[in-house]
Amino acid sequence: MGFQRFIESLILIMVFLLEVSQCYQFYVGGKDGWVLNPSENYTVWPHRHRFQVNDTLFFKYKKGADSVLIVSKDDFESCNTKNPKQSLTDGDSIFKFDNSGPFYFISGESDHCKNGQKLHIIVMAIRPKPSSPNAPPQSPSSPPVTSPSLPPVESSAPSPADLISQPPPQSANSGSEGFTGFVRVVLGASFGVTVILGSFAGI
């Protein structure tokens, strides 16, 4: 029972690490953080990055002196702080992109927003994997492509003497090579299970 829980915990950790490795956290304003006059303008900074769903933004600012408001496009352009969609006020704020499209951030201080402390980011859409480039496009009305029929080729059966004198054909993936690869996989899996059992026994 304990070993089963150990394996389940190990699988959950691997899935978590895989998800974390596919998303990124961006520090808004770099070393300056979320301030009125950063070293790199907020209209320039987003163009150096590509944002995807599940990425996060980290806003660093002094708690109580500023905040981050997620607003609509109209409120972004007019620096309206009265009707935010979401407010971040803890000083070390993290915002996660849960969908693609445009996002608008402004400072909670209206004067700061009017002086350039505002951020517009476009998150890339998730696109499906393209189909195989070798597959030719076919229209529904086009007839299926068939190869021309060829007349049968007459061949004489080999004699027993020919079969004895000729060596068996060698293919690129012979049965012995497939068996050898199978043995290697089995030995590798056995070794991995042995290591896991050994580590579990030592717990």
N, C-alpha and C. Protein backbone atom coordinates (compact mmCIF):
# COMPACT_ATOMS: atom_id res chain seq x y z
N MET A 1 0.83 -1.20 0.00
CA MET A 1 0.00 0.00 0.00
C MET A 1 0.86 1.26 0.00
N GLY A 2 1.89 1.23 0.85
CA GLY A 2 2.78 2.38 0.90
C GLY A 2 3.55 2.57 -0.38
N PHE A 3 3.96 1.47 -1.02
CA PHE A 3 4.69 1.56 -2.29
C PHE A 3 3.81 2.17 -3.38
N GLN A 4 2.51 1.78 -3.40
CA GLN A 4 1.59 2.33 -4.39
C GLN A 4 1.44 3.84 -4.22
N ARG A 5 1.36 4.30 -2.97
CA ARG A 5 1.25 5.74 -2.73
C ARG A 5 2.53 6.45 -3.17
N PHE A 6 3.66 5.82 -2.96
CA PHE A 6 4.93 6.42 -3.38
C PHE A 6 4.96 6.60 -4.90
N ILE A 7 4.51 5.58 -5.65
CA ILE A 7 4.50 5.66 -7.11
C ILE A 7 3.53 6.75 -7.58
N GLU A 8 2.34 6.82 -6.94
CA GLU A 8 1.37 7.85 -7.33
C GLU A 8 1.92 9.24 -7.06
N SER A 9 2.60 9.42 -5.93
CA SER A 9 3.18 10.73 -5.62
C SER A 9 4.27 11.09 -6.63
N LEU A 10 5.06 10.08 -7.02
CA LEU A 10 6.12 10.32 -8.00
C LEU A 10 5.55 10.75 -9.34
N ILE A 11 4.45 10.12 -9.76
CA ILE A 11 3.81 10.48 -11.04
C ILE A 11 3.25 11.90 -10.97
N LEU A 12 2.62 12.27 -9.85
CA LEU A 12 2.06 13.61 -9.71
C LEU A 12 3.16 14.68 -9.76
N ILE A 13 4.30 14.38 -9.15
CA ILE A 13 5.42 15.33 -9.18
C ILE A 13 5.93 15.51 -10.61
N MET A 14 6.02 14.41 -11.36
CA MET A 14 6.50 14.49 -12.74
C MET A 14 5.55 15.30 -13.60
N VAL A 15 4.22 15.11 -13.42
CA VAL A 15 3.24 15.88 -14.19
C VAL A 15 3.32 17.36 -13.85
N PHE A 16 3.50 17.68 -12.56
CA PHE A 16 3.61 19.08 -12.13
C PHE A 16 4.84 19.73 -12.74
N LEU A 17 5.98 19.04 -12.72
CA LEU A 17 7.20 19.60 -13.28
C LEU A 17 7.07 19.81 -14.78
N LEU A 18 6.35 18.91 -15.46
CA LEU A 18 6.15 19.07 -16.90
C LEU A 18 5.32 20.30 -17.20
N GLU A 19 4.26 20.55 -16.41
CA GLU A 19 3.42 21.73 -16.63
C GLU A 19 4.19 23.01 -16.33
N VAL A 20 4.98 23.01 -15.26
CA VAL A 20 5.74 24.21 -14.89
C VAL A 20 6.78 24.54 -15.95
N SER A 21 7.38 23.49 -16.55
CA SER A 21 8.44 23.73 -17.54
C SER A 21 7.90 24.35 -18.82
N GLN A 22 6.57 24.31 -19.03
CA GLN A 22 6.00 24.83 -20.26
C GLN A 22 5.44 26.24 -20.11
N CYS A 23 5.53 26.85 -18.95
CA CYS A 23 5.05 28.22 -18.78
C CYS A 23 6.15 29.07 -18.16
N TYR A 24 6.02 30.39 -18.31
CA TYR A 24 7.05 31.32 -17.87
C TYR A 24 6.45 32.42 -17.01
N GLN A 25 7.31 32.99 -16.16
CA GLN A 25 6.91 34.15 -15.36
C GLN A 25 7.73 35.35 -15.79
N PHE A 26 7.05 36.44 -16.12
CA PHE A 26 7.70 37.66 -16.59
C PHE A 26 7.65 38.71 -15.49
N TYR A 27 8.78 39.36 -15.24
CA TYR A 27 8.87 40.40 -14.22
C TYR A 27 8.64 41.76 -14.88
N VAL A 28 7.48 42.31 -14.63
CA VAL A 28 7.10 43.58 -15.26
C VAL A 28 8.04 44.69 -14.80
N GLY A 29 8.63 45.40 -15.75
CA GLY A 29 9.56 46.47 -15.42
C GLY A 29 10.96 46.01 -15.09
N GLY A 30 11.21 44.69 -15.20
CA GLY A 30 12.55 44.17 -14.91
C GLY A 30 12.95 44.44 -13.47
N LYS A 31 14.16 44.90 -13.28
CA LYS A 31 14.67 45.17 -11.92
C LYS A 31 13.97 46.36 -11.27
N ASP A 32 13.37 47.25 -12.09
CA ASP A 32 12.69 48.41 -11.53
C ASP A 32 11.34 48.06 -10.94
N GLY A 33 10.69 47.05 -11.50
CA GLY A 33 9.37 46.67 -11.02
C GLY A 33 8.27 47.55 -11.58
N TRP A 34 7.11 47.52 -10.92
CA TRP A 34 5.94 48.28 -11.35
C TRP A 34 6.02 49.67 -10.75
N VAL A 35 6.66 50.58 -11.50
CA VAL A 35 6.92 51.95 -11.01
C VAL A 35 6.48 52.95 -12.06
N LEU A 36 6.53 54.21 -11.69
CA LEU A 36 6.06 55.26 -12.59
C LEU A 36 6.98 55.45 -13.78
N ASN A 37 8.28 55.47 -13.53
CA ASN A 37 9.24 55.70 -14.62
C ASN A 37 10.28 54.58 -14.67
N PRO A 38 9.96 53.46 -15.28
CA PRO A 38 10.93 52.36 -15.37
C PRO A 38 12.01 52.69 -16.39
N SER A 39 13.11 51.96 -16.32
CA SER A 39 14.20 52.19 -17.26
C SER A 39 13.80 51.82 -18.68
N GLU A 40 12.83 50.91 -18.83
CA GLU A 40 12.31 50.56 -20.15
C GLU A 40 10.82 50.84 -20.17
N ASN A 41 10.41 51.65 -21.14
CA ASN A 41 9.02 52.08 -21.22
C ASN A 41 8.07 50.89 -21.33
N TYR A 42 6.89 51.01 -20.70
CA TYR A 42 5.93 49.91 -20.70
C TYR A 42 5.30 49.68 -22.08
N THR A 43 5.43 50.62 -22.98
CA THR A 43 4.95 50.38 -24.33
C THR A 43 5.97 49.62 -25.16
N VAL A 44 7.21 49.60 -24.73
CA VAL A 44 8.28 48.89 -25.46
C VAL A 44 8.50 47.49 -24.89
N TRP A 45 8.43 47.35 -23.59
CA TRP A 45 8.76 46.08 -22.92
C TRP A 45 7.97 44.88 -23.45
N PRO A 46 6.66 44.97 -23.68
CA PRO A 46 5.92 43.78 -24.14
C PRO A 46 6.37 43.28 -25.51
N HIS A 47 6.91 44.16 -26.34
CA HIS A 47 7.28 43.75 -27.70
C HIS A 47 8.53 42.87 -27.72
N ARG A 48 9.24 42.79 -26.61
CA ARG A 48 10.42 41.93 -26.55
C ARG A 48 10.10 40.51 -26.09
N HIS A 49 8.83 40.26 -25.79
CA HIS A 49 8.45 38.96 -25.25
C HIS A 49 7.26 38.40 -26.01
N ARG A 50 7.10 37.09 -25.87
CA ARG A 50 5.94 36.41 -26.44
C ARG A 50 5.18 35.77 -25.28
N PHE A 51 3.93 36.13 -25.14
CA PHE A 51 3.12 35.68 -24.01
C PHE A 51 2.14 34.61 -24.46
N GLN A 52 2.04 33.55 -23.67
CA GLN A 52 1.15 32.44 -23.98
C GLN A 52 0.25 32.14 -22.78
N VAL A 53 -0.81 31.39 -23.05
CA VAL A 53 -1.74 30.99 -22.00
C VAL A 53 -0.97 30.22 -20.92
N ASN A 54 -1.27 30.52 -19.66
CA ASN A 54 -0.66 29.94 -18.45
C ASN A 54 0.65 30.63 -18.06
N ASP A 55 1.16 31.56 -18.86
CA ASP A 55 2.28 32.39 -18.41
C ASP A 55 1.77 33.33 -17.32
N THR A 56 2.71 33.87 -16.53
CA THR A 56 2.32 34.77 -15.44
C THR A 56 3.13 36.06 -15.51
N LEU A 57 2.54 37.13 -14.98
CA LEU A 57 3.22 38.41 -14.81
C LEU A 57 3.45 38.64 -13.32
N PHE A 58 4.65 39.11 -12.99
CA PHE A 58 4.97 39.44 -11.59
C PHE A 58 5.13 40.95 -11.47
N PHE A 59 4.27 41.56 -10.65
CA PHE A 59 4.32 43.01 -10.43
C PHE A 59 4.93 43.25 -9.04
N LYS A 60 6.06 43.95 -9.02
CA LYS A 60 6.73 44.28 -7.76
C LYS A 60 6.56 45.77 -7.50
N TYR A 61 5.95 46.13 -6.35
CA TYR A 61 5.74 47.54 -6.00
C TYR A 61 5.57 47.64 -4.49
N LYS A 62 5.53 48.85 -3.99
CA LYS A 62 5.39 49.07 -2.55
C LYS A 62 3.93 48.98 -2.16
N LYS A 63 3.64 48.03 -1.28
CA LYS A 63 2.27 47.82 -0.85
C LYS A 63 1.73 49.07 -0.15
N GLY A 64 0.53 49.46 -0.54
CA GLY A 64 -0.12 50.64 0.04
C GLY A 64 0.16 51.92 -0.72
N ALA A 65 1.26 51.92 -1.52
CA ALA A 65 1.59 53.12 -2.30
C ALA A 65 1.11 53.01 -3.74
N ASP A 66 0.81 51.79 -4.19
CA ASP A 66 0.38 51.60 -5.58
C ASP A 66 -0.40 50.29 -5.65
N SER A 67 -0.91 49.99 -6.83
CA SER A 67 -1.64 48.74 -7.07
C SER A 67 -1.68 48.49 -8.57
N VAL A 68 -2.23 47.34 -8.93
CA VAL A 68 -2.37 46.98 -10.34
C VAL A 68 -3.85 46.71 -10.60
N LEU A 69 -4.39 47.35 -11.62
CA LEU A 69 -5.79 47.15 -11.98
C LEU A 69 -5.87 46.53 -13.36
N ILE A 70 -6.65 45.46 -13.49
CA ILE A 70 -6.93 44.86 -14.80
C ILE A 70 -8.23 45.47 -15.27
N VAL A 71 -8.20 46.13 -16.43
CA VAL A 71 -9.34 46.94 -16.86
C VAL A 71 -9.70 46.62 -18.31
N SER A 72 -10.78 47.23 -18.78
CA SER A 72 -11.20 47.10 -20.17
C SER A 72 -10.35 48.04 -21.05
N LYS A 73 -10.50 47.88 -22.35
CA LYS A 73 -9.74 48.72 -23.29
C LYS A 73 -10.10 50.20 -23.11
N ASP A 74 -11.39 50.50 -22.96
CA ASP A 74 -11.82 51.90 -22.81
C ASP A 74 -11.25 52.51 -21.53
N ASP A 75 -11.30 51.75 -20.43
CA ASP A 75 -10.76 52.27 -19.16
C ASP A 75 -9.24 52.38 -19.22
N PHE A 76 -8.62 51.52 -20.01
CA PHE A 76 -7.17 51.61 -20.19
C PHE A 76 -6.81 52.92 -20.88
N GLU A 77 -7.53 53.24 -21.94
CA GLU A 77 -7.21 54.45 -22.70
C GLU A 77 -7.54 55.73 -21.92
N SER A 78 -8.56 55.68 -21.08
CA SER A 78 -8.95 56.88 -20.34
C SER A 78 -8.37 56.91 -18.92
N CYS A 79 -7.63 55.84 -18.54
CA CYS A 79 -7.06 55.73 -17.19
C CYS A 79 -8.14 55.79 -16.12
N ASN A 80 -9.26 55.14 -16.38
CA ASN A 80 -10.36 55.09 -15.42
C ASN A 80 -10.08 53.99 -14.39
N THR A 81 -9.93 54.36 -13.14
CA THR A 81 -9.63 53.41 -12.07
C THR A 81 -10.87 53.02 -11.26
N LYS A 82 -12.06 53.46 -11.69
CA LYS A 82 -13.27 53.27 -10.88
C LYS A 82 -13.94 51.92 -11.10
N ASN A 83 -13.66 51.25 -12.21
CA ASN A 83 -14.40 50.03 -12.52
C ASN A 83 -13.47 48.91 -13.01
N PRO A 84 -12.52 48.49 -12.19
CA PRO A 84 -11.59 47.46 -12.66
C PRO A 84 -12.24 46.08 -12.68
N LYS A 85 -11.75 45.23 -13.58
CA LYS A 85 -12.18 43.83 -13.59
C LYS A 85 -11.56 43.07 -12.42
N GLN A 86 -10.34 43.45 -12.07
CA GLN A 86 -9.63 42.80 -10.96
C GLN A 86 -8.61 43.78 -10.38
N SER A 87 -8.38 43.71 -9.07
CA SER A 87 -7.41 44.59 -8.41
C SER A 87 -6.37 43.75 -7.69
N LEU A 88 -5.10 44.12 -7.87
CA LEU A 88 -3.99 43.47 -7.19
C LEU A 88 -3.34 44.50 -6.28
N THR A 89 -3.26 44.20 -4.98
CA THR A 89 -2.83 45.23 -4.03
C THR A 89 -1.80 44.76 -3.02
N ASP A 90 -1.28 43.53 -3.15
CA ASP A 90 -0.44 42.98 -2.08
C ASP A 90 1.04 43.34 -2.19
N GLY A 91 1.44 44.05 -3.23
CA GLY A 91 2.84 44.46 -3.36
C GLY A 91 3.71 43.49 -4.12
N ASP A 92 3.40 42.20 -4.07
CA ASP A 92 4.07 41.17 -4.87
C ASP A 92 2.98 40.40 -5.60
N SER A 93 2.44 41.02 -6.62
CA SER A 93 1.23 40.50 -7.27
C SER A 93 1.60 39.64 -8.48
N ILE A 94 0.90 38.52 -8.59
CA ILE A 94 1.10 37.62 -9.73
C ILE A 94 -0.22 37.48 -10.46
N PHE A 95 -0.16 37.67 -11.77
CA PHE A 95 -1.35 37.53 -12.61
C PHE A 95 -1.09 36.46 -13.65
N LYS A 96 -2.03 35.50 -13.77
CA LYS A 96 -1.89 34.39 -14.72
C LYS A 96 -2.81 34.59 -15.91
N PHE A 97 -2.29 34.38 -17.11
CA PHE A 97 -3.10 34.47 -18.33
C PHE A 97 -3.87 33.16 -18.48
N ASP A 98 -5.18 33.23 -18.34
CA ASP A 98 -6.00 32.03 -18.45
C ASP A 98 -6.64 31.87 -19.82
N ASN A 99 -6.43 32.83 -20.71
CA ASN A 99 -6.94 32.73 -22.07
C ASN A 99 -6.12 33.64 -22.97
N SER A 100 -6.29 33.46 -24.27
CA SER A 100 -5.57 34.30 -25.23
C SER A 100 -6.33 35.60 -25.46
N GLY A 101 -5.64 36.56 -26.12
CA GLY A 101 -6.26 37.84 -26.42
C GLY A 101 -5.57 38.99 -25.72
N PRO A 102 -6.17 40.20 -25.78
CA PRO A 102 -5.56 41.38 -25.16
C PRO A 102 -5.85 41.48 -23.67
N PHE A 103 -4.87 42.00 -22.93
CA PHE A 103 -5.02 42.27 -21.50
C PHE A 103 -4.53 43.70 -21.24
N TYR A 104 -5.24 44.41 -20.34
CA TYR A 104 -4.93 45.80 -20.08
C TYR A 104 -4.69 45.99 -18.57
N PHE A 105 -3.54 46.58 -18.24
CA PHE A 105 -3.16 46.82 -16.84
C PHE A 105 -2.84 48.30 -16.66
N ILE A 106 -3.34 48.88 -15.56
CA ILE A 106 -3.02 50.27 -15.25
C ILE A 106 -2.68 50.38 -13.76
N SER A 107 -2.00 51.44 -13.41
CA SER A 107 -1.72 51.71 -12.00
C SER A 107 -3.00 52.14 -11.30
N GLY A 108 -3.11 51.75 -10.02
CA GLY A 108 -4.27 52.18 -9.24
C GLY A 108 -4.30 53.67 -8.96
N GLU A 109 -3.15 54.33 -9.17
CA GLU A 109 -3.08 55.79 -9.02
C GLU A 109 -3.33 56.42 -10.40
N SER A 110 -4.44 57.13 -10.52
CA SER A 110 -4.82 57.66 -11.83
C SER A 110 -3.75 58.58 -12.42
N ASP A 111 -3.08 59.35 -11.58
CA ASP A 111 -2.03 60.23 -12.09
C ASP A 111 -0.86 59.42 -12.66
N HIS A 112 -0.56 58.28 -12.03
CA HIS A 112 0.51 57.42 -12.55
C HIS A 112 0.14 56.87 -13.92
N CYS A 113 -1.11 56.43 -14.06
CA CYS A 113 -1.56 55.90 -15.35
C CYS A 113 -1.46 56.95 -16.44
N LYS A 114 -1.89 58.17 -16.13
CA LYS A 114 -1.85 59.24 -17.13
C LYS A 114 -0.43 59.60 -17.52
N ASN A 115 0.53 59.28 -16.67
CA ASN A 115 1.93 59.56 -16.97
C ASN A 115 2.68 58.34 -17.51
N GLY A 116 1.94 57.30 -17.91
CA GLY A 116 2.56 56.19 -18.63
C GLY A 116 2.67 54.87 -17.90
N GLN A 117 2.19 54.78 -16.65
CA GLN A 117 2.27 53.51 -15.93
C GLN A 117 1.06 52.65 -16.28
N LYS A 118 1.10 52.11 -17.47
CA LYS A 118 0.02 51.27 -17.99
C LYS A 118 0.63 50.27 -18.96
N LEU A 119 0.02 49.11 -19.06
CA LEU A 119 0.62 48.00 -19.81
C LEU A 119 -0.44 47.27 -20.61
N HIS A 120 -0.16 47.13 -21.91
CA HIS A 120 -1.07 46.41 -22.82
C HIS A 120 -0.34 45.18 -23.35
N ILE A 121 -0.90 43.99 -23.13
CA ILE A 121 -0.26 42.74 -23.55
C ILE A 121 -1.25 41.91 -24.35
N ILE A 122 -0.75 41.30 -25.42
CA ILE A 122 -1.56 40.39 -26.23
C ILE A 122 -1.01 38.98 -26.05
N VAL A 123 -1.87 38.08 -25.60
CA VAL A 123 -1.49 36.68 -25.38
C VAL A 123 -1.79 35.88 -26.64
N MET A 124 -0.81 35.11 -27.07
CA MET A 124 -0.95 34.34 -28.30
C MET A 124 -2.02 33.27 -28.16
N ALA A 125 -2.72 33.02 -29.28
CA ALA A 125 -3.74 31.98 -29.28
C ALA A 125 -3.08 30.61 -29.37
N ILE A 126 -3.74 29.61 -28.80
CA ILE A 126 -3.26 28.24 -28.89
C ILE A 126 -3.69 27.69 -30.24
N ARG A 127 -2.71 27.30 -31.06
CA ARG A 127 -3.01 26.81 -32.40
C ARG A 127 -2.87 25.30 -32.47
N PRO A 128 -3.77 24.62 -33.21
CA PRO A 128 -3.63 23.17 -33.35
C PRO A 128 -2.40 22.81 -34.16
N LYS A 129 -1.91 21.61 -33.95
CA LYS A 129 -0.74 21.15 -34.69
C LYS A 129 -1.07 21.02 -36.16
N PRO A 130 -0.17 21.50 -37.05
CA PRO A 130 -0.46 21.41 -38.49
C PRO A 130 -0.45 19.97 -38.95
N SER A 131 -1.21 19.70 -40.01
CA SER A 131 -1.24 18.35 -40.57
C SER A 131 0.07 18.07 -41.28
N SER A 132 0.26 16.81 -41.66
CA SER A 132 1.51 16.40 -42.30
C SER A 132 1.73 17.17 -43.59
N PRO A 133 2.93 17.78 -43.78
CA PRO A 133 3.17 18.56 -45.00
C PRO A 133 3.23 17.70 -46.25
N ASN A 134 3.42 16.40 -46.12
CA ASN A 134 3.53 15.52 -47.29
C ASN A 134 2.17 15.07 -47.80
N ALA A 135 1.12 15.31 -47.02
CA ALA A 135 -0.20 14.86 -47.44
C ALA A 135 -0.77 15.85 -48.44
N PRO A 136 -1.05 15.43 -49.70
CA PRO A 136 -1.58 16.36 -50.71
C PRO A 136 -3.03 16.68 -50.42
N PRO A 137 -3.42 17.96 -50.60
CA PRO A 137 -4.82 18.32 -50.37
C PRO A 137 -5.72 17.69 -51.40
N GLN A 138 -6.88 17.21 -50.98
CA GLN A 138 -7.83 16.60 -51.88
C GLN A 138 -9.19 17.23 -51.68
N SER A 139 -9.85 17.56 -52.77
CA SER A 139 -11.19 18.11 -52.68
C SER A 139 -12.19 16.97 -52.56
N PRO A 140 -13.33 17.21 -51.91
CA PRO A 140 -14.31 16.14 -51.73
C PRO A 140 -14.83 15.59 -53.05
N SER A 141 -14.88 16.43 -54.12
CA SER A 141 -15.45 15.99 -55.38
C SER A 141 -14.45 15.27 -56.27
N SER A 142 -13.16 15.34 -55.94
CA SER A 142 -12.16 14.73 -56.80
C SER A 142 -12.17 13.23 -56.63
N PRO A 143 -12.02 12.48 -57.71
CA PRO A 143 -12.02 11.01 -57.60
C PRO A 143 -10.77 10.54 -56.90
N PRO A 144 -10.82 9.37 -56.27
CA PRO A 144 -9.63 8.85 -55.61
C PRO A 144 -8.52 8.56 -56.59
N VAL A 145 -7.29 8.79 -56.15
CA VAL A 145 -6.13 8.56 -57.00
C VAL A 145 -5.79 7.08 -56.98
N THR A 146 -5.74 6.48 -58.15
CA THR A 146 -5.40 5.06 -58.24
C THR A 146 -4.23 4.88 -59.18
N SER A 147 -3.44 3.89 -58.94
CA SER A 147 -2.29 3.60 -59.79
C SER A 147 -2.74 2.76 -60.97
N PRO A 148 -2.12 2.96 -62.16
CA PRO A 148 -2.52 2.16 -63.33
C PRO A 148 -2.23 0.69 -63.10
N SER A 149 -3.16 -0.13 -63.63
CA SER A 149 -2.98 -1.58 -63.48
C SER A 149 -1.91 -2.06 -64.43
N LEU A 150 -1.12 -2.98 -63.97
CA LEU A 150 -0.04 -3.55 -64.76
C LEU A 150 -0.33 -5.02 -65.03
N PRO A 151 0.08 -5.52 -66.20
CA PRO A 151 -0.14 -6.95 -66.48
C PRO A 151 0.67 -7.80 -65.53
N PRO A 152 0.14 -8.97 -65.14
CA PRO A 152 0.88 -9.84 -64.23
C PRO A 152 2.18 -10.32 -64.84
N VAL A 153 3.18 -10.44 -64.00
CA VAL A 153 4.49 -10.90 -64.46
C VAL A 153 4.63 -12.36 -64.13
N GLU A 154 4.92 -13.15 -65.17
CA GLU A 154 5.10 -14.58 -64.96
C GLU A 154 6.48 -14.85 -64.41
N SER A 155 6.52 -15.69 -63.42
CA SER A 155 7.81 -16.05 -62.83
C SER A 155 7.81 -17.53 -62.55
N SER A 156 8.94 -18.12 -62.72
CA SER A 156 9.09 -19.55 -62.47
C SER A 156 9.53 -19.77 -61.05
N ALA A 157 9.03 -20.82 -60.43
CA ALA A 157 9.38 -21.12 -59.05
C ALA A 157 10.83 -21.57 -58.99
N PRO A 158 11.58 -21.16 -57.98
CA PRO A 158 12.98 -21.58 -57.87
C PRO A 158 13.08 -23.06 -57.54
N SER A 159 14.15 -23.64 -58.03
CA SER A 159 14.38 -25.06 -57.77
C SER A 159 14.93 -25.25 -56.37
N PRO A 160 14.82 -26.47 -55.82
CA PRO A 160 15.40 -26.72 -54.49
C PRO A 160 16.88 -26.42 -54.41
N ALA A 161 17.60 -26.64 -55.50
CA ALA A 161 19.04 -26.35 -55.48
C ALA A 161 19.30 -24.86 -55.33
N ASP A 162 18.46 -24.04 -56.00
CA ASP A 162 18.62 -22.59 -55.87
C ASP A 162 18.35 -22.13 -54.44
N LEU A 163 17.35 -22.72 -53.81
CA LEU A 163 17.04 -22.33 -52.44
C LEU A 163 18.16 -22.67 -51.49
N ILE A 164 18.85 -23.79 -51.72
CA ILE A 164 19.95 -24.20 -50.85
C ILE A 164 21.16 -23.31 -51.06
N SER A 165 21.44 -22.95 -52.31
CA SER A 165 22.67 -22.20 -52.61
C SER A 165 22.55 -20.73 -52.25
N GLN A 166 21.32 -20.19 -52.21
CA GLN A 166 21.17 -18.76 -51.94
C GLN A 166 21.01 -18.53 -50.44
N PRO A 167 21.76 -17.53 -49.88
CA PRO A 167 21.60 -17.21 -48.45
C PRO A 167 20.27 -16.51 -48.22
N PRO A 168 19.74 -16.60 -47.02
CA PRO A 168 18.46 -15.92 -46.74
C PRO A 168 18.63 -14.42 -46.82
N PRO A 169 17.62 -13.69 -47.31
CA PRO A 169 17.73 -12.22 -47.44
C PRO A 169 17.82 -11.58 -46.07
N GLN A 170 18.64 -10.49 -46.00
CA GLN A 170 18.82 -9.73 -44.76
C GLN A 170 18.05 -8.43 -44.87
N SER A 171 17.18 -8.16 -43.95
CA SER A 171 16.41 -6.92 -43.95
C SER A 171 17.04 -5.92 -43.00
N ALA A 172 16.64 -4.65 -43.16
CA ALA A 172 17.21 -3.60 -42.31
C ALA A 172 16.83 -3.81 -40.85
N ASN A 173 15.64 -4.36 -40.59
CA ASN A 173 15.21 -4.63 -39.23
C ASN A 173 14.99 -6.12 -39.09
N SER A 174 16.02 -6.87 -38.87
CA SER A 174 15.93 -8.32 -38.78
C SER A 174 15.28 -8.71 -37.46
N GLY A 175 14.86 -9.99 -37.41
CA GLY A 175 14.23 -10.47 -36.19
C GLY A 175 15.18 -10.47 -35.01
N SER A 176 16.47 -10.77 -35.27
CA SER A 176 17.42 -10.80 -34.17
C SER A 176 17.61 -9.41 -33.58
N GLU A 177 17.62 -8.37 -34.46
CA GLU A 177 17.78 -7.02 -33.94
C GLU A 177 16.56 -6.60 -33.14
N GLY A 178 15.37 -6.97 -33.60
CA GLY A 178 14.17 -6.64 -32.84
C GLY A 178 14.15 -7.33 -31.50
N PHE A 179 14.59 -8.60 -31.48
CA PHE A 179 14.64 -9.32 -30.20
C PHE A 179 15.65 -8.68 -29.26
N THR A 180 16.81 -8.27 -29.84
CA THR A 180 17.83 -7.62 -29.00
C THR A 180 17.29 -6.32 -28.40
N GLY A 181 16.58 -5.52 -29.21
CA GLY A 181 16.01 -4.27 -28.69
C GLY A 181 14.98 -4.54 -27.61
N PHE A 182 14.17 -5.61 -27.80
CA PHE A 182 13.17 -5.95 -26.79
C PHE A 182 13.84 -6.32 -25.47
N VAL A 183 14.94 -7.10 -25.57
CA VAL A 183 15.67 -7.51 -24.36
C VAL A 183 16.23 -6.28 -23.65
N ARG A 184 16.76 -5.33 -24.42
CA ARG A 184 17.30 -4.12 -23.80
C ARG A 184 16.22 -3.34 -23.06
N VAL A 185 15.02 -3.22 -23.65
CA VAL A 185 13.93 -2.50 -22.99
C VAL A 185 13.54 -3.18 -21.70
N VAL A 186 13.43 -4.53 -21.75
CA VAL A 186 13.04 -5.29 -20.54
C VAL A 186 14.08 -5.12 -19.45
N LEU A 187 15.40 -5.22 -19.83
CA LEU A 187 16.46 -5.06 -18.84
C LEU A 187 16.46 -3.65 -18.26
N GLY A 188 16.24 -2.63 -19.11
CA GLY A 188 16.21 -1.25 -18.62
C GLY A 188 15.06 -1.03 -17.66
N ALA A 189 13.86 -1.55 -17.99
CA ALA A 189 12.71 -1.41 -17.10
C ALA A 189 12.95 -2.14 -15.78
N SER A 190 13.57 -3.32 -15.85
CA SER A 190 13.85 -4.06 -14.62
C SER A 190 14.82 -3.30 -13.74
N PHE A 191 15.83 -2.69 -14.37
CA PHE A 191 16.79 -1.92 -13.59
C PHE A 191 16.12 -0.72 -12.92
N GLY A 192 15.19 -0.04 -13.68
CA GLY A 192 14.50 1.12 -13.11
C GLY A 192 13.63 0.73 -11.93
N VAL A 193 12.91 -0.40 -12.06
CA VAL A 193 12.07 -0.86 -10.95
C VAL A 193 12.92 -1.22 -9.75
N THR A 194 14.10 -1.84 -10.02
CA THR A 194 14.99 -2.21 -8.92
C THR A 194 15.47 -0.97 -8.16
N VAL A 195 15.81 0.08 -8.91
CA VAL A 195 16.28 1.32 -8.27
C VAL A 195 15.19 1.95 -7.43
N ILE A 196 13.93 1.97 -7.98
CA ILE A 196 12.83 2.56 -7.24
C ILE A 196 12.53 1.76 -5.98
N LEU A 197 12.55 0.40 -6.10
CA LEU A 197 12.30 -0.44 -4.94
C LEU A 197 13.38 -0.24 -3.89
N GLY A 198 14.64 -0.09 -4.36
CA GLY A 198 15.73 0.12 -3.42
C GLY A 198 15.59 1.43 -2.68
N SER A 199 15.20 2.50 -3.43
CA SER A 199 15.05 3.80 -2.79
C SER A 199 13.86 3.79 -1.84
N PHE A 200 12.81 3.07 -2.20
CA PHE A 200 11.64 2.99 -1.33
C PHE A 200 11.96 2.21 -0.07
N ALA A 201 12.75 1.15 -0.22
CA ALA A 201 13.12 0.35 0.94
C ALA A 201 13.96 1.14 1.92
N GLY A 202 14.72 2.11 1.39
CA GLY A 202 15.58 2.90 2.28
C GLY A 202 14.85 4.01 2.98
N ILE A 203 13.58 4.26 2.57
CA ILE A 203 12.81 5.36 3.20
C ILE A 203 12.41 4.95 4.63
